[in-house]
C-alpha atoms as a PDB file:
ATOM      1  CA  UNK A   1      85.710  84.108 108.825  1.00  0.00           C
ATOM      2  CA  UNK A   2      85.909  82.789 105.221  1.00  0.00           C
ATOM      3  CA  UNK A   3      89.319  81.849 103.979  1.00  0.00           C
ATOM      4  CA  UNK A   4      88.990  84.162 100.973  1.00  0.00           C
ATOM      5  CA  UNK A   5      87.976  87.017 103.212  1.00  0.00           C
ATOM      6  CA  UNK A   6      91.093  86.280 105.468  1.00  0.00           C
ATOM      7  CA  UNK A   7      93.283  86.316 102.352  1.00  0.00           C
ATOM      8  CA  UNK A   8      91.816  89.674 101.181  1.00  0.00           C
ATOM      9  CA  UNK A   9      92.519  91.054 104.816  1.00  0.00           C
ATOM     10  CA  UNK A  10      96.184  90.029 104.652  1.00  0.00           C
ATOM     11  CA  UNK A  11      96.576  91.500 101.117  1.00  0.00           C
ATOM     12  CA  UNK A  12      95.066  94.817 102.334  1.00  0.00           C
ATOM     13  CA  UNK A  13      97.308  94.673 105.372  1.00  0.00           C
ATOM     14  CA  UNK A  14     100.361  94.462 103.159  1.00  0.00           C
ATOM     15  CA  UNK A  15      99.185  97.041 100.742  1.00  0.00           C
ATOM     16  CA  UNK A  16      98.757  99.430 103.755  1.00  0.00           C
ATOM     17  CA  UNK A  17     102.566  99.188 104.322  1.00  0.00           C
ATOM     18  CA  UNK A  18     103.222 101.443 101.351  1.00  0.00           C
ATOM     19  CA  UNK A  19     101.801 103.691  98.709  1.00  0.00           C
ATOM     20  CA  UNK A  20     100.495 101.114  96.140  1.00  0.00           C
ATOM     21  CA  UNK A  21     101.242 102.158  92.651  1.00  0.00           C
ATOM     22  CA  UNK A  22      98.683 100.726  90.110  1.00  0.00           C
ATOM     23  CA  UNK A  23      98.580  98.769  87.996  1.00  0.00           C
ATOM     24  CA  UNK A  24     101.130  96.277  89.414  1.00  0.00           C
ATOM     25  CA  UNK A  25     100.537  96.677  93.023  1.00  0.00           C
ATOM     26  CA  UNK A  26      96.869  96.482  93.724  1.00  0.00           C
ATOM     27  CA  UNK A  27      94.504  94.214  95.550  1.00  0.00           C
ATOM     28  CA  UNK A  28      93.537  92.257  92.430  1.00  0.00           C
ATOM     29  CA  UNK A  29      97.180  91.646  91.545  1.00  0.00           C
ATOM     30  CA  UNK A  30      98.060  90.687  95.106  1.00  0.00           C
ATOM     31  CA  UNK A  31      95.117  88.218  95.125  1.00  0.00           C
ATOM     32  CA  UNK A  32      96.429  86.648  91.839  1.00  0.00           C
ATOM     33  CA  UNK A  33     100.066  86.592  92.856  1.00  0.00           C
ATOM     34  CA  UNK A  34      99.339  85.330  96.400  1.00  0.00           C
ATOM     35  CA  UNK A  35      96.053  83.298  96.209  1.00  0.00           C
ATOM     36  CA  UNK A  36      96.730  81.896  99.780  1.00  0.00           C
ATOM     37  CA  UNK A  37      97.418  85.215 101.368  1.00  0.00           C
ATOM     38  CA  UNK A  38     100.566  86.351 103.061  1.00  0.00           C
ATOM     39  CA  UNK A  39     101.836  86.017 106.678  1.00  0.00           C
ATOM     40  CA  UNK A  40     100.725  88.775 109.082  1.00  0.00           C
ATOM     41  CA  UNK A  41     103.197  91.610 109.744  1.00  0.00           C
ATOM     42  CA  UNK A  42     104.698  91.790 113.116  1.00  0.00           C
ATOM     43  CA  UNK A  43     104.389  94.962 115.316  1.00  0.00           C
ATOM     44  CA  UNK A  44     108.217  95.365 115.251  1.00  0.00           C
ATOM     45  CA  UNK A  45     108.206  95.319 111.443  1.00  0.00           C
ATOM     46  CA  UNK A  46     105.273  97.780 111.503  1.00  0.00           C
ATOM     47  CA  UNK A  47     107.181 100.153 113.675  1.00  0.00           C
ATOM     48  CA  UNK A  48     110.330  99.956 111.444  1.00  0.00           C
ATOM     49  CA  UNK A  49     108.085 100.404 108.454  1.00  0.00           C
ATOM     50  CA  UNK A  50     106.579 103.556 109.800  1.00  0.00           C
ATOM     51  CA  UNK A  51     110.046 105.078 110.508  1.00  0.00           C
ATOM     52  CA  UNK A  52     111.185 104.009 107.018  1.00  0.00           C
ATOM     53  CA  UNK A  53     107.998 105.369 105.322  1.00  0.00           C
ATOM     54  CA  UNK A  54     108.182 108.702 107.083  1.00  0.00           C
ATOM     55  CA  UNK A  55     111.793 109.032 105.694  1.00  0.00           C
ATOM     56  CA  UNK A  56     110.733 108.627 102.115  1.00  0.00           C
ATOM     57  CA  UNK A  57     106.979 109.917 102.024  1.00  0.00           C
ATOM     58  CA  UNK A  58     107.793 113.251 100.663  1.00  0.00           C
ATOM     59  CA  UNK A  59     110.493 112.075  98.168  1.00  0.00           C
ATOM     60  CA  UNK A  60     110.289 111.020  94.533  1.00  0.00           C
ATOM     61  CA  UNK A  61     112.563 108.058  95.028  1.00  0.00           C
ATOM     62  CA  UNK A  62     111.423 105.174  97.158  1.00  0.00           C
ATOM     63  CA  UNK A  63     113.691 102.635  95.586  1.00  0.00           C
ATOM     64  CA  UNK A  64     115.376 101.780  98.830  1.00  0.00           C
ATOM     65  CA  UNK A  65     112.142 101.637 100.821  1.00  0.00           C
ATOM     66  CA  UNK A  66     110.502  99.264  98.219  1.00  0.00           C
ATOM     67  CA  UNK A  67     113.672  97.155  98.133  1.00  0.00           C
ATOM     68  CA  UNK A  68     113.628  96.799 101.964  1.00  0.00           C
ATOM     69  CA  UNK A  69     109.924  96.024 101.931  1.00  0.00           C
ATOM     70  CA  UNK A  70     110.197  93.329  99.294  1.00  0.00           C
ATOM     71  CA  UNK A  71     113.585  91.851 100.438  1.00  0.00           C
ATOM     72  CA  UNK A  72     113.103  91.998 104.286  1.00  0.00           C
ATOM     73  CA  UNK A  73     109.384  92.072 104.865  1.00  0.00           C
ATOM     74  CA  UNK A  74     108.106  89.917 101.992  1.00  0.00           C
ATOM     75  CA  UNK A  75     111.223  87.602 102.256  1.00  0.00           C
ATOM     76  CA  UNK A  76     112.488  87.975  98.706  1.00  0.00           C
ATOM     77  CA  UNK A  77     116.071  88.511  99.867  1.00  0.00           C
ATOM     78  CA  UNK A  78     117.617  86.330  97.117  1.00  0.00           C
ATOM     79  CA  UNK A  79     114.987  86.889  94.611  1.00  0.00           C
ATOM     80  CA  UNK A  80     114.433  90.601  94.285  1.00  0.00           C
ATOM     81  CA  UNK A  81     117.084  92.153  91.930  1.00  0.00           C
ATOM     82  CA  UNK A  82     117.483  95.568  90.445  1.00  0.00           C
ATOM     83  CA  UNK A  83     120.175  97.354  88.321  1.00  0.00           C
ATOM     84  CA  UNK A  84     123.337  95.407  87.700  1.00  0.00           C
ATOM     85  CA  UNK A  85     121.943  92.358  89.495  1.00  0.00           C
ATOM     86  CA  UNK A  86     119.403  91.756  86.732  1.00  0.00           C
ATOM     87  CA  UNK A  87     120.140  88.949  84.159  1.00  0.00           C
ATOM     88  CA  UNK A  88     121.124  90.431  80.801  1.00  0.00           C
ATOM     89  CA  UNK A  89     117.890  89.142  79.174  1.00  0.00           C
ATOM     90  CA  UNK A  90     115.755  91.249  81.575  1.00  0.00           C
ATOM     91  CA  UNK A  91     117.857  94.400  81.822  1.00  0.00           C
END
């Protein structure tokens, strides 16, 4: 399989973990932000994701879910910040 197709597959795999909200979380944006693709998601993470997703699917506030996804699944633990954790020039 061509590398670019494999990258697209991993991007699609990640997008399937949540309810993508255009325009910032789409396949073209993922390709631009992660041109080399992302690591595959383990079956344990997928199982946890399903439980977490089922808890927030019918709610309007998915902040905790998205935070978990970005911090723990994508690995942005020290980089994803919200609220009072944002630098003053970004808040």
